[in-house]
N, C-alpha and C. Protein backbone atom coordinates (compact mmCIF):
# COMPACT_ATOMS: atom_id res chain seq x y z
N MET A 1 120.15 85.91 79.47
CA MET A 1 118.85 85.52 79.01
C MET A 1 118.50 86.36 77.79
N LEU A 2 118.36 85.71 76.67
CA LEU A 2 118.04 86.40 75.44
C LEU A 2 116.57 86.13 75.09
N ILE A 3 115.82 87.20 74.89
CA ILE A 3 114.42 87.09 74.49
C ILE A 3 114.28 87.83 73.17
N GLU A 4 113.88 87.10 72.13
CA GLU A 4 113.70 87.70 70.81
C GLU A 4 112.35 87.27 70.24
N PHE A 5 111.63 88.25 69.71
CA PHE A 5 110.36 87.97 69.04
C PHE A 5 109.98 89.21 68.24
N GLU A 6 109.78 89.06 66.94
CA GLU A 6 109.41 90.16 66.06
C GLU A 6 110.29 91.38 66.34
N ASN A 7 109.73 92.46 66.84
CA ASN A 7 110.49 93.69 67.09
C ASN A 7 111.15 93.73 68.47
N LEU A 8 110.98 92.67 69.25
CA LEU A 8 111.46 92.65 70.63
C LEU A 8 112.77 91.89 70.73
N LYS A 9 113.79 92.55 71.30
CA LYS A 9 115.07 91.88 71.56
C LYS A 9 115.60 92.35 72.90
N LEU A 10 115.69 91.43 73.84
CA LEU A 10 116.21 91.73 75.16
C LEU A 10 117.39 90.81 75.44
N ASN A 11 118.54 91.39 75.72
CA ASN A 11 119.72 90.62 76.11
C ASN A 11 119.98 90.92 77.58
N LEU A 12 119.34 90.16 78.45
CA LEU A 12 119.35 90.43 79.88
C LEU A 12 120.40 89.56 80.58
N LYS A 13 121.38 90.21 81.19
CA LYS A 13 122.46 89.50 81.87
C LYS A 13 122.31 89.50 83.38
N TYR A 14 121.62 90.52 83.90
CA TYR A 14 121.55 90.71 85.36
C TYR A 14 120.11 90.86 85.82
N LEU A 15 119.80 90.17 86.89
CA LEU A 15 118.50 90.29 87.54
C LEU A 15 118.70 91.07 88.83
N LEU A 16 118.01 92.20 88.97
CA LEU A 16 118.11 93.05 90.14
C LEU A 16 116.79 93.00 90.90
N LEU A 17 116.89 92.63 92.15
CA LEU A 17 115.70 92.42 92.97
C LEU A 17 115.74 93.26 94.24
N ASP A 18 114.61 93.81 94.59
CA ASP A 18 114.43 94.39 95.91
C ASP A 18 114.13 93.23 96.86
N TYR A 19 114.33 93.42 98.15
CA TYR A 19 114.02 92.35 99.10
C TYR A 19 112.73 92.62 99.88
N THR A 20 112.70 93.68 100.65
CA THR A 20 111.57 93.94 101.54
C THR A 20 110.30 94.22 100.75
N GLY A 21 109.32 93.36 100.90
CA GLY A 21 108.05 93.51 100.20
C GLY A 21 108.05 92.95 98.80
N THR A 22 109.24 92.65 98.27
CA THR A 22 109.34 92.08 96.92
C THR A 22 109.64 90.59 97.02
N LEU A 23 110.75 90.23 97.64
CA LEU A 23 111.08 88.82 97.84
C LEU A 23 110.57 88.31 99.18
N SER A 24 110.21 89.23 100.04
CA SER A 24 109.79 88.85 101.40
C SER A 24 108.48 89.51 101.78
N GLU A 25 107.84 88.90 102.74
CA GLU A 25 106.65 89.49 103.37
C GLU A 25 106.97 89.63 104.85
N HIS A 26 106.95 90.84 105.34
CA HIS A 26 107.28 91.13 106.73
C HIS A 26 108.66 90.57 107.09
N GLY A 27 109.61 90.64 106.14
CA GLY A 27 110.98 90.23 106.38
C GLY A 27 111.28 88.76 106.16
N LYS A 28 110.27 87.93 105.92
CA LYS A 28 110.46 86.49 105.70
C LYS A 28 110.39 86.19 104.21
N LEU A 29 111.39 85.43 103.73
CA LEU A 29 111.44 85.05 102.32
C LEU A 29 110.16 84.30 101.93
N MET A 30 109.57 84.70 100.81
CA MET A 30 108.34 84.04 100.34
C MET A 30 108.65 82.60 99.93
N GLU A 31 107.67 81.74 100.08
CA GLU A 31 107.81 80.31 99.80
C GLU A 31 108.35 80.01 98.41
N CYS A 32 107.83 80.66 97.41
CA CYS A 32 108.18 80.35 96.02
C CYS A 32 109.55 80.86 95.59
N VAL A 33 110.09 81.81 96.31
CA VAL A 33 111.27 82.53 95.85
C VAL A 33 112.51 81.66 95.76
N LYS A 34 112.77 80.86 96.76
CA LYS A 34 114.00 80.06 96.78
C LYS A 34 114.12 79.19 95.53
N GLU A 35 113.08 78.43 95.25
CA GLU A 35 113.08 77.53 94.09
C GLU A 35 113.27 78.30 92.79
N LYS A 36 112.58 79.41 92.65
CA LYS A 36 112.64 80.18 91.41
C LYS A 36 114.00 80.85 91.22
N LEU A 37 114.61 81.32 92.30
CA LEU A 37 115.95 81.91 92.19
C LEU A 37 116.97 80.86 91.78
N LEU A 38 116.82 79.66 92.29
CA LEU A 38 117.73 78.57 91.89
C LEU A 38 117.59 78.29 90.39
N MET A 39 116.37 78.26 89.90
CA MET A 39 116.15 78.02 88.46
C MET A 39 116.66 79.18 87.61
N LEU A 40 116.50 80.39 88.09
CA LEU A 40 116.91 81.56 87.33
C LEU A 40 118.42 81.77 87.33
N SER A 41 119.12 81.17 88.27
CA SER A 41 120.57 81.37 88.34
C SER A 41 121.28 80.85 87.09
N ASP A 42 120.66 79.94 86.36
CA ASP A 42 121.23 79.44 85.10
C ASP A 42 120.96 80.38 83.93
N LYS A 43 120.03 81.30 84.10
CA LYS A 43 119.62 82.18 83.00
C LYS A 43 120.31 83.54 83.03
N PHE A 44 120.87 83.90 84.18
CA PHE A 44 121.50 85.21 84.35
C PHE A 44 122.95 85.04 84.79
N GLU A 45 123.80 85.99 84.36
CA GLU A 45 125.19 85.97 84.81
C GLU A 45 125.27 86.17 86.32
N LYS A 46 124.47 87.11 86.81
CA LYS A 46 124.43 87.38 88.25
C LYS A 46 123.04 87.85 88.65
N ILE A 47 122.68 87.51 89.88
CA ILE A 47 121.43 87.97 90.47
C ILE A 47 121.80 88.79 91.70
N TYR A 48 121.32 90.03 91.73
CA TYR A 48 121.59 90.93 92.84
C TYR A 48 120.31 91.18 93.63
N VAL A 49 120.44 91.19 94.94
CA VAL A 49 119.35 91.64 95.81
C VAL A 49 119.84 92.95 96.42
N LEU A 50 119.16 94.04 96.06
CA LEU A 50 119.53 95.38 96.48
C LEU A 50 118.48 95.87 97.46
N THR A 51 118.86 96.07 98.71
CA THR A 51 117.84 96.29 99.73
C THR A 51 118.28 97.25 100.83
N ALA A 52 117.32 97.99 101.35
CA ALA A 52 117.53 98.76 102.57
C ALA A 52 117.38 97.84 103.78
N ASP A 53 116.82 96.66 103.56
CA ASP A 53 116.68 95.61 104.57
C ASP A 53 115.97 96.11 105.84
N THR A 54 114.78 96.60 105.66
CA THR A 54 113.99 97.19 106.73
C THR A 54 113.89 96.29 107.96
N PHE A 55 113.72 94.99 107.77
CA PHE A 55 113.55 94.05 108.88
C PHE A 55 114.88 93.44 109.34
N GLY A 56 115.96 93.70 108.61
CA GLY A 56 117.27 93.17 108.99
C GLY A 56 117.43 91.68 108.79
N THR A 57 116.67 91.10 107.86
CA THR A 57 116.67 89.64 107.67
C THR A 57 117.18 89.16 106.32
N ALA A 58 117.48 90.08 105.41
CA ALA A 58 117.80 89.69 104.03
C ALA A 58 118.95 88.71 103.94
N GLU A 59 120.07 89.00 104.57
CA GLU A 59 121.24 88.14 104.44
C GLU A 59 120.98 86.75 105.00
N SER A 60 120.33 86.66 106.15
CA SER A 60 120.07 85.33 106.73
C SER A 60 119.02 84.57 105.94
N GLU A 61 118.00 85.24 105.44
CA GLU A 61 116.94 84.57 104.68
C GLU A 61 117.43 84.10 103.31
N LEU A 62 118.41 84.79 102.74
CA LEU A 62 118.91 84.45 101.41
C LEU A 62 120.18 83.61 101.44
N LYS A 63 120.62 83.27 102.62
CA LYS A 63 121.86 82.51 102.78
C LYS A 63 121.79 81.20 101.99
N GLY A 64 122.86 80.92 101.24
CA GLY A 64 122.94 79.69 100.46
C GLY A 64 122.34 79.79 99.07
N LEU A 65 121.70 80.88 98.76
CA LEU A 65 121.11 81.07 97.42
C LEU A 65 122.12 81.76 96.50
N PRO A 66 122.02 81.54 95.20
CA PRO A 66 122.98 82.11 94.25
C PRO A 66 122.71 83.58 93.94
N VAL A 67 122.77 84.40 94.98
CA VAL A 67 122.51 85.83 94.84
C VAL A 67 123.61 86.63 95.54
N ILE A 68 123.79 87.84 95.08
CA ILE A 68 124.69 88.79 95.73
C ILE A 68 123.80 89.76 96.48
N VAL A 69 123.91 89.79 97.79
CA VAL A 69 123.08 90.67 98.61
C VAL A 69 123.86 91.95 98.90
N LYS A 70 123.25 93.09 98.56
CA LYS A 70 123.83 94.39 98.87
C LYS A 70 122.85 95.12 99.79
N VAL A 71 123.25 95.27 101.06
CA VAL A 71 122.44 96.06 101.99
C VAL A 71 122.89 97.50 101.84
N LEU A 72 121.96 98.35 101.47
CA LEU A 72 122.26 99.73 101.11
C LEU A 72 121.95 100.70 102.24
N THR A 73 122.75 101.75 102.32
CA THR A 73 122.50 102.79 103.31
C THR A 73 121.57 103.84 102.73
N HIS A 74 121.06 104.69 103.56
CA HIS A 74 120.14 105.76 103.16
C HIS A 74 120.89 106.80 102.33
N PRO A 75 120.38 107.28 101.23
CA PRO A 75 119.16 106.82 100.59
C PRO A 75 119.44 105.57 99.75
N SER A 76 118.71 104.53 100.01
CA SER A 76 118.95 103.25 99.34
C SER A 76 118.69 103.33 97.84
N SER A 77 117.85 104.26 97.41
CA SER A 77 117.60 104.40 95.97
C SER A 77 118.89 104.75 95.23
N LYS A 78 119.78 105.51 95.86
CA LYS A 78 121.05 105.87 95.22
C LYS A 78 121.90 104.62 94.99
N GLY A 79 121.96 103.72 95.95
CA GLY A 79 122.72 102.49 95.77
C GLY A 79 122.17 101.63 94.65
N LYS A 80 120.86 101.64 94.49
CA LYS A 80 120.23 100.87 93.40
C LYS A 80 120.57 101.51 92.06
N ILE A 81 120.50 102.83 91.98
CA ILE A 81 120.84 103.56 90.76
C ILE A 81 122.30 103.31 90.39
N ASP A 82 123.18 103.41 91.36
CA ASP A 82 124.62 103.20 91.11
C ASP A 82 124.89 101.79 90.58
N THR A 83 124.20 100.80 91.12
CA THR A 83 124.39 99.43 90.67
C THR A 83 123.93 99.26 89.22
N VAL A 84 122.77 99.80 88.89
CA VAL A 84 122.27 99.72 87.51
C VAL A 84 123.27 100.38 86.55
N LYS A 85 123.74 101.55 86.91
CA LYS A 85 124.68 102.26 86.03
C LYS A 85 125.98 101.48 85.87
N ALA A 86 126.47 100.88 86.93
CA ALA A 86 127.72 100.11 86.86
C ALA A 86 127.57 98.87 85.98
N LEU A 87 126.42 98.23 86.02
CA LEU A 87 126.19 97.02 85.23
C LEU A 87 125.77 97.32 83.79
N GLY A 88 125.17 98.46 83.59
CA GLY A 88 124.61 98.82 82.28
C GLY A 88 123.14 98.48 82.25
N GLY A 89 122.30 99.47 82.39
CA GLY A 89 120.86 99.26 82.46
C GLY A 89 120.27 98.48 81.31
N GLU A 90 120.90 98.55 80.14
CA GLU A 90 120.38 97.83 78.97
C GLU A 90 120.51 96.31 79.11
N TYR A 91 121.28 95.86 80.10
CA TYR A 91 121.46 94.42 80.34
C TYR A 91 120.71 93.94 81.59
N CYS A 92 119.88 94.80 82.16
CA CYS A 92 119.26 94.48 83.45
C CYS A 92 117.75 94.37 83.37
N VAL A 93 117.23 93.46 84.17
CA VAL A 93 115.80 93.40 84.47
C VAL A 93 115.69 93.63 85.97
N SER A 94 114.73 94.44 86.37
CA SER A 94 114.56 94.75 87.79
C SER A 94 113.14 94.43 88.24
N ILE A 95 113.06 94.06 89.52
CA ILE A 95 111.76 93.78 90.14
C ILE A 95 111.72 94.49 91.48
N GLY A 96 110.66 95.25 91.71
CA GLY A 96 110.53 95.97 92.96
C GLY A 96 109.10 96.32 93.29
N ASN A 97 108.92 96.90 94.49
CA ASN A 97 107.58 97.29 94.92
C ASN A 97 107.53 98.63 95.66
N GLY A 98 108.69 99.22 95.94
CA GLY A 98 108.70 100.40 96.81
C GLY A 98 109.16 101.69 96.15
N ASN A 99 109.01 102.76 96.89
CA ASN A 99 109.42 104.08 96.43
C ASN A 99 110.91 104.10 96.06
N ASN A 100 111.74 103.39 96.85
CA ASN A 100 113.17 103.40 96.56
C ASN A 100 113.55 102.54 95.35
N ASP A 101 112.58 101.90 94.72
CA ASP A 101 112.81 101.10 93.51
C ASP A 101 112.47 101.86 92.22
N ILE A 102 111.83 102.99 92.33
CA ILE A 102 111.32 103.71 91.15
C ILE A 102 112.43 104.01 90.15
N GLU A 103 113.50 104.63 90.58
CA GLU A 103 114.57 105.00 89.65
C GLU A 103 115.26 103.77 89.09
N MET A 104 115.42 102.72 89.89
CA MET A 104 116.00 101.47 89.40
C MET A 104 115.15 100.93 88.25
N LEU A 105 113.84 100.91 88.42
CA LEU A 105 112.97 100.41 87.37
C LEU A 105 113.04 101.26 86.11
N LYS A 106 113.15 102.57 86.28
CA LYS A 106 113.23 103.46 85.13
C LYS A 106 114.50 103.23 84.31
N LEU A 107 115.58 102.82 84.97
CA LEU A 107 116.88 102.70 84.31
C LEU A 107 117.16 101.34 83.68
N THR A 108 116.35 100.34 84.00
CA THR A 108 116.62 99.00 83.47
C THR A 108 115.84 98.73 82.19
N LYS A 109 116.38 97.85 81.37
CA LYS A 109 115.77 97.51 80.08
C LYS A 109 114.37 96.94 80.24
N LEU A 110 114.21 96.11 81.27
CA LEU A 110 112.90 95.52 81.57
C LEU A 110 112.63 95.72 83.05
N SER A 111 111.47 96.28 83.36
CA SER A 111 111.14 96.55 84.76
C SER A 111 109.78 95.96 85.12
N LEU A 112 109.78 95.24 86.25
CA LEU A 112 108.58 94.56 86.71
C LEU A 112 108.22 95.06 88.10
N ALA A 113 106.99 95.49 88.26
CA ALA A 113 106.48 95.89 89.57
C ALA A 113 105.65 94.74 90.12
N VAL A 114 105.69 94.56 91.43
CA VAL A 114 104.92 93.49 92.06
C VAL A 114 104.08 94.05 93.21
N ILE A 115 102.90 93.46 93.36
CA ILE A 115 102.00 93.84 94.44
C ILE A 115 101.79 92.58 95.28
N ASN A 116 102.39 92.55 96.44
CA ASN A 116 102.27 91.42 97.36
C ASN A 116 101.50 91.85 98.60
N ARG A 117 101.53 91.02 99.62
CA ARG A 117 100.84 91.34 100.88
C ARG A 117 101.32 92.65 101.48
N ASP A 118 102.60 92.97 101.32
CA ASP A 118 103.14 94.21 101.88
C ASP A 118 102.78 95.44 101.06
N GLY A 119 102.14 95.24 99.90
CA GLY A 119 101.69 96.36 99.08
C GLY A 119 102.70 96.80 98.05
N CYS A 120 102.36 97.89 97.36
CA CYS A 120 103.21 98.44 96.31
C CYS A 120 103.02 99.95 96.29
N ASN A 121 104.10 100.68 96.14
CA ASN A 121 104.02 102.12 96.03
C ASN A 121 103.30 102.48 94.73
N ALA A 122 102.29 103.31 94.81
CA ALA A 122 101.47 103.64 93.64
C ALA A 122 102.27 104.33 92.55
N ARG A 123 103.23 105.18 92.91
CA ARG A 123 104.04 105.87 91.90
C ARG A 123 104.93 104.89 91.12
N LEU A 124 105.31 103.79 91.75
CA LEU A 124 106.16 102.79 91.10
C LEU A 124 105.47 102.18 89.88
N LEU A 125 104.16 102.03 89.95
CA LEU A 125 103.42 101.40 88.86
C LEU A 125 103.63 102.11 87.53
N ASN A 126 103.78 103.43 87.57
CA ASN A 126 104.01 104.20 86.34
C ASN A 126 105.43 104.07 85.81
N SER A 127 106.32 103.47 86.59
CA SER A 127 107.71 103.30 86.17
C SER A 127 107.99 101.91 85.62
N ALA A 128 107.04 101.01 85.74
CA ALA A 128 107.24 99.62 85.35
C ALA A 128 106.75 99.34 83.94
N ASP A 129 107.43 98.40 83.29
CA ASP A 129 106.95 97.93 81.99
C ASP A 129 105.75 97.00 82.17
N ILE A 130 105.81 96.19 83.22
CA ILE A 130 104.74 95.22 83.50
C ILE A 130 104.49 95.19 85.00
N VAL A 131 103.24 95.00 85.39
CA VAL A 131 102.87 94.88 86.80
C VAL A 131 102.30 93.48 87.03
N PHE A 132 102.79 92.80 88.05
CA PHE A 132 102.31 91.46 88.41
C PHE A 132 101.68 91.51 89.79
N LYS A 133 100.73 90.60 90.01
CA LYS A 133 100.06 90.57 91.30
C LYS A 133 100.92 89.94 92.39
N SER A 134 102.04 89.30 92.00
CA SER A 134 102.93 88.71 92.99
C SER A 134 104.33 88.53 92.43
N THR A 135 105.28 88.42 93.32
CA THR A 135 106.66 88.13 92.92
C THR A 135 106.74 86.77 92.26
N CYS A 136 105.99 85.81 92.75
CA CYS A 136 106.00 84.47 92.16
C CYS A 136 105.62 84.55 90.69
N ASP A 137 104.62 85.34 90.35
CA ASP A 137 104.20 85.51 88.96
C ASP A 137 105.28 86.22 88.14
N ALA A 138 105.91 87.23 88.71
CA ALA A 138 106.97 87.96 88.00
C ALA A 138 108.15 87.04 87.70
N LEU A 139 108.58 86.26 88.69
CA LEU A 139 109.70 85.34 88.49
C LEU A 139 109.33 84.26 87.48
N ASP A 140 108.09 83.79 87.53
CA ASP A 140 107.62 82.81 86.54
C ASP A 140 107.72 83.36 85.12
N SER A 141 107.44 84.66 84.95
CA SER A 141 107.50 85.24 83.61
C SER A 141 108.92 85.21 83.05
N LEU A 142 109.91 85.24 83.92
CA LEU A 142 111.30 85.15 83.47
C LEU A 142 111.67 83.70 83.15
N LEU A 143 110.99 82.77 83.77
CA LEU A 143 111.21 81.35 83.48
C LEU A 143 110.46 80.91 82.24
N LYS A 144 109.37 81.61 81.93
CA LYS A 144 108.54 81.32 80.75
C LYS A 144 108.37 82.60 79.96
N PRO A 145 109.39 82.99 79.19
CA PRO A 145 109.41 84.31 78.55
C PRO A 145 108.29 84.60 77.57
N LYS A 146 107.54 83.60 77.15
CA LYS A 146 106.41 83.89 76.24
C LYS A 146 105.39 84.79 76.93
N VAL A 147 105.32 84.72 78.25
CA VAL A 147 104.45 85.63 79.01
C VAL A 147 104.91 87.07 78.78
N LEU A 148 106.21 87.29 78.87
CA LEU A 148 106.75 88.62 78.64
C LEU A 148 106.50 89.09 77.20
N ILE A 149 106.72 88.19 76.27
CA ILE A 149 106.52 88.53 74.86
C ILE A 149 105.07 88.95 74.63
N SER A 150 104.14 88.23 75.22
CA SER A 150 102.72 88.56 75.00
C SER A 150 102.37 89.93 75.58
N LEU A 151 103.07 90.35 76.60
CA LEU A 151 102.79 91.64 77.24
C LEU A 151 103.56 92.80 76.63
N LEU A 152 104.65 92.52 75.92
CA LEU A 152 105.51 93.58 75.41
C LEU A 152 105.43 93.81 73.91
N ARG A 153 104.94 92.85 73.17
CA ARG A 153 104.97 93.00 71.71
C ARG A 153 103.99 94.08 71.26
N GLU A 154 104.27 94.59 70.07
CA GLU A 154 103.44 95.68 69.52
C GLU A 154 102.26 95.10 68.78
């Protein structure tokens, strides 16, 4: 996904997503997520879901979707950091809501924080480029990049 406007140039190849509280509420995949991930699969080389999987439902809830699910062991933040470094943070956009997402957001070219029913870690907000009131809104911004341009341009 290439986004270019004036001084802004983003060449985003990978979408990195947290699961618990980001794609799900209380372990259940949010209604809007399935459709949006299907649409986004054409825009990214790969979509990763990096999760500690607190409720143990990520793999079953995401079954059949064009995503690579990585269930991470403690500390899960290390697995997220390792994935960003392996892919190259300059090619990644990340979306998260928790404490274990902070370093992932700091390392990616574009970082989006979301506040859903499950809440958002307050420290994460300072690590994000943009904050959205929901995952649905954050995913929509990737489908309609002019939203991102309006929030990022100088």
